[in-house]
Amino acid sequence: MTILRPIFYLALLAFIIAAPFIAPDFRTQLATLWIFIILSMTWDMTGGQMGYNSLGNILFYGAGMYIAAVVGISIAYNVGEYTNAAGGGIYKFTDTQYFLGMALGLIAAGVLCAGIAWVLGYLLFGLRGPYFAIGTLGAAIAAGELVSNWEWVGGGQGIALPVFPGDDYENAKLFFYYLFAVTGVVLFIFLRWFYTTRFAAAINAIRDDEEKAEAMGLHTLRYKLITWSIAAFFVGIAGGISGYQLIHFEPLETAFQTINLGIFMVVCVLLGGKGTLWGPIIGAILFHVVKEVTWNYLLGWQWVALGALIVITVVYFQDGLMGWLARVKPEWFGERVTEKPALAGEPAE
């Protein structure tokens, strides 16, 4: 097993690198898959590992879009003039301005989204259970409405970012695919280490019994704030990359899409299995495949199909695919399976 594990990870890394060349017609869909994977893994940090089910993580995705855009634009132009609908100006960015603005924007998106999570956490972590979920959803909806009425960042019309340098659109697809992939791989490596630490044991204790964890001396609020801030950091970066990939985005339908992407990330985790490292990844892959198939071949019925998927998951796979596999194939997860000892006078099996 110790020999096979590094071989598996090397093969997986090789596949990630080769994927856009193996399926060149699906590069955009593969990049979208990485968005689902990143958002699912970050949601599971609080929802699966810590027991705080958020419906508002899309807030950090949308905030990351706008923060990255504003920082990137401000490298070369006045943001208010650039986003003014009546401005009518033609704004050109050099290659240096584009990539420098993107790099600084993504860093700012991650850091500031982590800060937003920290501040919101002080207000929301006093709530528990469904009240916390509703509170985070309300914060995400409020953020979308606030930005849609903020003329300095374009209001309801959104922001149009510069196009990727060069005339080859395929190069742009490759660039954003690998940018998402690197973010996802870094997040996976971080979580693989993070879930082995005493800090992870502490947030698991909060999930299992928060009152008992506090009685044992854990500063539960601090653990919750740090965990949610780390998740927001990666979500903000993913949102910033998405903004540059889309070129144009607006607040309610693209950035703070609570009805679509805000729910999708939760469904991915439920489908794969909460509180596991691989569950959100497997769930994101399965969900993305189902979503693409239904959107292409069941147009008009796609929401019915996704609703049926959610119902089947909740009713028959409450622990997700990983939980179901752990029950039917425990040996796959390193659990020793022994024969039931024969009682006196009974033949051994």
Protein backbone atom coordinates (compact mmCIF):
# COMPACT_ATOMS: atom_id res chain seq x y z
CA MET A 1 0.00 0.00 0.00
CA THR A 2 2.83 2.42 0.81
CA ILE A 3 4.32 1.78 -2.64
CA LEU A 4 1.03 2.01 -4.54
CA ARG A 5 -0.01 5.33 -2.98
CA PRO A 6 2.74 7.52 -4.52
CA ILE A 7 2.25 5.72 -7.83
CA PHE A 8 -1.45 6.54 -7.70
CA TYR A 9 -0.80 10.22 -6.97
CA LEU A 10 1.80 10.49 -9.73
CA ALA A 11 -0.58 8.87 -12.22
CA LEU A 12 -3.36 11.21 -11.10
CA LEU A 13 -1.11 14.24 -11.50
CA ALA A 14 -0.09 13.08 -14.98
CA PHE A 15 -3.75 12.70 -15.92
CA ILE A 16 -4.55 16.20 -14.63
CA ILE A 17 -1.77 17.65 -16.77
CA ALA A 18 -2.79 15.67 -19.84
CA ALA A 19 -6.59 16.02 -19.49
CA PRO A 20 -7.02 19.18 -21.64
CA PHE A 21 -5.05 17.51 -24.45
CA ILE A 22 -6.90 14.21 -24.14
CA ALA A 23 -10.25 16.02 -24.42
CA PRO A 24 -9.47 19.36 -26.13
CA ASP A 25 -13.13 20.03 -26.94
CA PHE A 26 -14.02 19.97 -23.23
CA ARG A 27 -11.41 22.32 -21.81
CA THR A 28 -13.98 24.80 -20.54
CA GLN A 29 -16.00 22.00 -18.92
CA LEU A 30 -12.85 20.62 -17.28
CA ALA A 31 -12.08 24.07 -15.86
CA THR A 32 -15.65 24.24 -14.52
CA LEU A 33 -15.13 20.84 -12.90
CA TRP A 34 -12.17 22.27 -10.99
CA ILE A 35 -14.41 25.08 -9.73
CA PHE A 36 -16.82 22.48 -8.34
CA ILE A 37 -13.96 20.53 -6.76
CA ILE A 38 -12.47 23.61 -5.08
CA LEU A 39 -15.81 24.88 -3.79
CA SER A 40 -16.82 21.42 -2.56
CA MET A 41 -13.57 20.82 -0.66
CA THR A 42 -13.75 24.24 0.98
CA TRP A 43 -17.42 23.84 1.90
CA ASP A 44 -16.65 20.50 3.55
CA MET A 45 -14.10 22.19 5.82
CA THR A 46 -16.93 23.85 7.74
CA GLY A 47 -19.91 21.71 6.75
CA GLY A 48 -18.36 18.25 6.99
CA GLN A 49 -15.38 18.58 9.29
CA MET A 50 -16.77 21.21 11.66
CA GLY A 51 -20.51 20.59 11.44
CA TYR A 52 -21.50 24.13 10.43
CA ASN A 53 -23.51 23.88 7.21
CA SER A 54 -23.14 27.15 5.34
CA LEU A 55 -25.40 28.21 2.47
CA GLY A 56 -23.47 31.43 1.96
CA ASN A 57 -19.99 30.41 0.81
CA ILE A 58 -20.94 31.78 -2.60
CA LEU A 59 -20.47 35.20 -0.97
CA PHE A 60 -16.69 34.67 -1.03
CA TYR A 61 -16.81 33.46 -4.64
CA GLY A 62 -18.59 36.63 -5.77
CA ALA A 63 -16.47 38.87 -3.56
CA GLY A 64 -13.33 37.25 -5.00
CA MET A 65 -14.54 38.08 -8.51
CA TYR A 66 -15.06 41.74 -7.71
CA ILE A 67 -11.94 42.18 -5.59
CA ALA A 68 -9.70 40.63 -8.26
CA ALA A 69 -11.36 42.74 -10.95
CA VAL A 70 -11.07 46.02 -9.05
CA VAL A 71 -7.41 45.42 -8.19
CA GLY A 72 -6.59 44.34 -11.76
CA ILE A 73 -8.31 47.38 -13.28
CA SER A 74 -6.76 49.84 -10.83
CA ILE A 75 -3.29 48.85 -12.07
CA ALA A 76 -3.95 50.86 -15.22
CA TYR A 77 -7.17 52.89 -14.91
CA ASN A 78 -9.55 54.63 -12.54
CA VAL A 79 -12.11 52.00 -11.54
CA GLY A 80 -15.09 54.38 -11.41
CA GLU A 81 -14.40 55.71 -14.91
CA TYR A 82 -13.73 52.22 -16.28
CA THR A 83 -17.04 50.81 -14.99
CA ASN A 84 -19.11 53.90 -15.85
CA ALA A 85 -21.84 52.80 -18.25
CA ALA A 86 -21.91 56.24 -19.88
CA GLY A 87 -18.13 56.50 -20.18
CA GLY A 88 -17.81 55.06 -23.64
CA GLY A 89 -14.04 54.83 -23.40
CA ILE A 90 -11.82 52.19 -24.98
CA TYR A 91 -9.49 50.69 -22.41
CA LYS A 92 -6.52 48.62 -23.46
CA PHE A 93 -4.22 46.65 -21.18
CA THR A 94 -0.66 45.64 -21.94
CA ASP A 95 0.36 42.04 -21.29
CA THR A 96 2.26 43.16 -18.20
CA GLN A 97 -0.73 45.08 -16.87
CA TYR A 98 -3.01 42.11 -17.49
CA PHE A 99 -0.92 39.45 -15.76
CA LEU A 100 0.36 41.70 -12.96
CA GLY A 101 -3.16 42.92 -12.29
CA MET A 102 -4.47 39.36 -12.25
CA ALA A 103 -1.72 38.14 -9.89
CA LEU A 104 -2.23 41.00 -7.43
CA GLY A 105 -5.99 40.67 -7.76
CA LEU A 106 -6.01 36.97 -6.91
CA ILE A 107 -3.80 37.54 -3.86
CA ALA A 108 -6.07 40.36 -2.71
CA ALA A 109 -9.17 38.25 -3.36
CA GLY A 110 -7.90 35.44 -1.15
CA VAL A 111 -6.71 37.67 1.68
CA LEU A 112 -9.71 40.00 1.76
CA CYS A 113 -12.22 37.16 1.49
CA ALA A 114 -10.52 35.53 4.48
CA GLY A 115 -10.92 38.84 6.31
CA ILE A 116 -14.59 39.06 5.35
CA ALA A 117 -15.12 35.52 6.68
CA TRP A 118 -13.42 36.46 9.96
CA VAL A 119 -15.66 39.51 10.46
CA LEU A 120 -18.84 37.68 9.43
CA GLY A 121 -17.90 34.78 11.67
CA TYR A 122 -18.10 37.00 14.74
CA LEU A 123 -21.68 37.82 13.76
CA LEU A 124 -22.85 34.41 12.55
CA PHE A 125 -21.09 31.76 14.62
CA GLY A 126 -23.34 32.57 17.54
CA LEU A 127 -26.00 30.78 15.49
CA ARG A 128 -26.15 27.01 15.16
CA GLY A 129 -27.86 24.43 13.01
CA PRO A 130 -30.39 25.74 10.47
CA TYR A 131 -30.12 29.24 11.89
CA PHE A 132 -26.47 29.43 10.89
CA ALA A 133 -27.30 28.14 7.39
CA ILE A 134 -30.07 30.72 6.96
CA GLY A 135 -27.84 33.47 8.33
CA THR A 136 -25.07 32.74 5.84
CA LEU A 137 -27.59 32.54 2.99
CA GLY A 138 -28.97 35.92 4.00
CA ALA A 139 -25.46 37.40 4.03
CA ALA A 140 -24.80 36.10 0.49
CA ILE A 141 -28.09 37.46 -0.85
CA ALA A 142 -27.48 40.82 0.81
CA ALA A 143 -23.97 41.01 -0.67
CA GLY A 144 -25.32 40.41 -4.17
CA GLU A 145 -27.96 43.11 -3.78
CA LEU A 146 -25.44 45.54 -2.33
CA VAL A 147 -23.02 45.10 -5.22
CA SER A 148 -25.80 45.29 -7.83
CA ASN A 149 -26.61 48.80 -6.53
CA TRP A 150 -22.99 49.95 -6.21
CA GLU A 151 -22.36 52.05 -9.33
CA TRP A 152 -18.61 52.38 -8.69
CA VAL A 153 -18.17 48.68 -9.52
CA GLY A 154 -20.64 48.73 -12.40
CA GLY A 155 -23.90 48.16 -10.55
CA GLY A 156 -26.29 45.71 -12.15
CA GLN A 157 -24.44 45.76 -15.48
CA GLY A 158 -21.38 44.15 -13.89
CA ILE A 159 -17.76 44.47 -14.98
CA ALA A 160 -16.08 43.68 -18.30
CA LEU A 161 -12.46 42.62 -17.82
CA PRO A 162 -9.76 42.67 -20.51
CA VAL A 163 -9.51 39.70 -22.85
CA PHE A 164 -6.65 37.23 -22.41
CA PRO A 165 -3.61 38.47 -24.40
CA GLY A 166 -3.13 36.96 -27.84
CA ASP A 167 -5.45 35.80 -30.58
CA ASP A 168 -5.48 32.09 -29.78
CA TYR A 169 -8.56 31.34 -27.69
CA GLU A 170 -7.34 27.81 -27.00
CA ASN A 171 -4.32 29.21 -25.15
CA ALA A 172 -6.70 31.10 -22.88
CA LYS A 173 -8.65 27.90 -22.17
CA LEU A 174 -5.43 26.06 -21.30
CA PHE A 175 -4.20 28.91 -19.11
CA PHE A 176 -7.36 29.05 -16.99
CA TYR A 177 -7.66 25.27 -16.80
CA TYR A 178 -4.15 24.99 -15.35
CA LEU A 179 -4.74 27.97 -13.05
CA PHE A 180 -7.80 26.25 -11.58
CA ALA A 181 -5.97 22.90 -11.48
CA VAL A 182 -2.98 24.32 -9.60
CA THR A 183 -5.33 25.96 -7.08
CA GLY A 184 -7.22 22.69 -6.63
CA VAL A 185 -4.07 20.58 -6.25
CA VAL A 186 -2.57 23.01 -3.73
CA LEU A 187 -5.85 22.95 -1.78
CA PHE A 188 -5.90 19.14 -1.81
CA ILE A 189 -2.30 18.89 -0.60
CA PHE A 190 -3.03 21.42 2.14
CA LEU A 191 -6.17 19.59 3.29
CA ARG A 192 -4.45 16.21 3.20
CA TRP A 193 -1.97 17.60 5.73
CA PHE A 194 -4.51 19.75 7.59
CA TYR A 195 -6.84 16.86 8.38
CA THR A 196 -4.01 15.03 10.19
CA THR A 197 -3.30 17.88 12.61
CA ARG A 198 -4.55 18.50 16.14
CA PHE A 199 -6.37 21.53 14.77
CA ALA A 200 -8.51 19.21 12.61
CA ALA A 201 -9.17 17.03 15.64
CA ALA A 202 -10.41 20.12 17.45
CA ILE A 203 -12.88 21.12 14.72
CA ASN A 204 -14.08 17.48 14.58
CA ALA A 205 -14.73 17.76 18.33
CA ILE A 206 -16.80 20.89 17.66
CA ARG A 207 -18.80 18.92 15.11
CA ASP A 208 -19.39 16.00 17.47
CA ASP A 209 -20.26 17.98 20.61
CA GLU A 210 -19.46 21.68 20.79
CA GLU A 211 -20.53 22.09 24.43
CA LYS A 212 -18.24 19.27 25.50
CA ALA A 213 -15.40 20.72 23.41
CA GLU A 214 -15.80 24.06 25.17
CA ALA A 215 -15.88 22.32 28.55
CA MET A 216 -12.56 20.67 27.67
CA GLY A 217 -11.02 24.12 27.21
CA LEU A 218 -11.18 24.56 23.43
CA HIS A 219 -11.61 28.14 22.25
CA THR A 220 -14.28 27.05 19.78
CA LEU A 221 -14.92 30.47 18.24
CA ARG A 222 -11.26 30.84 17.33
CA TYR A 223 -11.21 27.43 15.63
CA LYS A 224 -14.38 28.21 13.72
CA LEU A 225 -13.13 31.60 12.56
CA ILE A 226 -9.79 30.23 11.35
CA THR A 227 -11.39 27.30 9.52
CA TRP A 228 -13.96 29.45 7.73
CA SER A 229 -11.32 32.05 6.85
CA ILE A 230 -9.06 29.41 5.28
CA ALA A 231 -12.00 28.12 3.23
CA ALA A 232 -12.90 31.67 2.17
CA PHE A 233 -9.29 32.29 1.10
CA PHE A 234 -9.41 29.52 -1.50
CA VAL A 235 -12.98 30.31 -2.57
CA GLY A 236 -12.00 33.94 -3.13
CA ILE A 237 -9.09 32.91 -5.35
CA ALA A 238 -11.38 30.59 -7.35
CA GLY A 239 -13.85 33.44 -7.78
CA GLY A 240 -11.11 35.79 -8.96
CA ILE A 241 -9.92 33.29 -11.57
CA SER A 242 -13.51 32.79 -12.74
CA GLY A 243 -13.95 36.53 -13.23
CA TYR A 244 -10.98 36.72 -15.57
CA GLN A 245 -12.06 33.55 -17.36
CA LEU A 246 -15.60 34.83 -17.97
CA ILE A 247 -14.33 38.29 -19.05
CA HIS A 248 -17.71 39.83 -18.23
CA PHE A 249 -19.73 39.09 -15.13
CA GLU A 250 -22.55 40.71 -13.21
CA PRO A 251 -23.54 40.40 -9.55
CA LEU A 252 -26.76 38.41 -9.22
CA GLU A 253 -26.65 35.86 -12.06
CA THR A 254 -22.88 35.27 -12.18
CA ALA A 255 -20.98 36.35 -9.09
CA PHE A 256 -23.38 35.80 -6.17
CA GLN A 257 -25.43 33.00 -7.74
CA THR A 258 -26.92 31.59 -4.54
CA ILE A 259 -29.55 29.50 -6.35
CA ASN A 260 -27.13 27.73 -8.69
CA LEU A 261 -23.51 27.42 -7.64
CA GLY A 262 -24.27 28.18 -4.01
CA ILE A 263 -26.43 25.05 -3.84
CA PHE A 264 -24.34 22.93 -6.22
CA MET A 265 -21.32 22.91 -3.91
CA VAL A 266 -23.46 21.54 -1.07
CA VAL A 267 -24.98 18.85 -3.29
CA CYS A 268 -21.51 17.76 -4.44
CA VAL A 269 -20.42 17.17 -0.85
CA LEU A 270 -23.62 15.35 0.08
CA LEU A 271 -23.28 13.14 -2.98
CA GLY A 272 -19.64 12.22 -2.31
CA GLY A 273 -19.71 12.13 1.49
CA LYS A 274 -19.31 14.79 4.18
CA GLY A 275 -16.30 14.86 6.45
CA THR A 276 -13.96 13.00 4.09
CA LEU A 277 -11.03 14.11 1.96
CA TRP A 278 -12.07 12.37 -1.26
CA GLY A 279 -15.84 12.59 -0.84
CA PRO A 280 -16.22 16.20 -2.08
CA ILE A 281 -13.94 15.48 -5.05
CA ILE A 282 -15.82 12.34 -6.13
CA GLY A 283 -19.14 14.07 -5.54
CA ALA A 284 -18.08 17.06 -7.65
CA ILE A 285 -17.04 14.80 -10.53
CA LEU A 286 -20.29 12.80 -10.44
CA PHE A 287 -22.43 15.91 -10.10
CA HIS A 288 -20.65 17.69 -12.94
CA VAL A 289 -21.13 14.71 -15.25
CA VAL A 290 -24.84 14.49 -14.38
CA LYS A 291 -25.22 18.25 -14.78
CA GLU A 292 -23.58 18.30 -18.22
CA VAL A 293 -25.64 15.33 -19.45
CA THR A 294 -28.95 16.73 -18.21
CA TRP A 295 -28.23 20.25 -19.47
CA ASN A 296 -27.44 18.87 -22.94
CA TYR A 297 -29.95 16.05 -23.33
CA LEU A 298 -32.76 16.87 -20.89
CA LEU A 299 -33.08 20.60 -21.45
CA GLY A 300 -36.21 21.75 -19.69
CA TRP A 301 -36.09 18.80 -17.31
CA GLN A 302 -32.59 19.39 -15.95
CA TRP A 303 -33.80 20.79 -12.64
CA VAL A 304 -36.15 17.84 -12.21
CA ALA A 305 -33.25 15.44 -12.78
CA LEU A 306 -31.02 17.30 -10.31
CA GLY A 307 -33.83 17.40 -7.77
CA ALA A 308 -34.28 13.64 -8.14
CA LEU A 309 -30.54 13.18 -7.63
CA ILE A 310 -30.70 15.17 -4.39
CA VAL A 311 -33.70 13.18 -3.12
CA ILE A 312 -32.05 9.82 -3.93
CA THR A 313 -28.85 10.92 -2.21
CA VAL A 314 -30.60 12.13 0.94
CA VAL A 315 -32.91 9.10 1.21
CA TYR A 316 -30.63 6.23 0.22
CA PHE A 317 -27.08 7.58 0.60
CA GLN A 318 -27.22 9.81 3.65
CA ASP A 319 -23.48 9.37 4.24
CA GLY A 320 -22.72 9.91 0.56
CA LEU A 321 -20.96 7.55 -1.78
CA MET A 322 -17.87 7.32 0.44
CA GLY A 323 -19.98 6.45 3.49
CA TRP A 324 -21.87 3.79 1.55
CA LEU A 325 -18.62 2.25 0.28
CA ALA A 326 -17.19 2.27 3.81
CA ARG A 327 -20.12 0.12 4.90
CA VAL A 328 -20.15 -2.37 2.04
CA LYS A 329 -16.37 -2.49 1.46
CA PRO A 330 -14.70 -1.61 4.78
CA GLU A 331 -11.46 -3.34 3.72
CA TRP A 332 -11.00 -0.67 1.04
CA PHE A 333 -10.63 1.86 3.84
CA GLY A 334 -8.05 -0.07 5.84
CA GLU A 335 -10.48 -1.71 8.24
CA ARG A 336 -9.71 -5.29 9.19
CA VAL A 337 -12.56 -7.66 8.42
CA THR A 338 -12.53 -10.84 10.52
CA GLU A 339 -14.68 -13.90 10.43
CA LYS A 340 -17.31 -14.27 13.15
CA PRO A 341 -15.95 -16.78 15.67
CA ALA A 342 -17.88 -20.05 15.81
CA LEU A 343 -19.81 -20.77 18.98
CA ALA A 344 -19.37 -24.00 20.87
CA GLY A 345 -21.10 -26.86 19.07
CA GLU A 346 -21.37 -24.88 15.80
CA PRO A 347 -19.32 -25.71 12.72
CA ALA A 348 -16.72 -23.10 11.80
CA GLU A 349 -17.55 -21.11 8.63
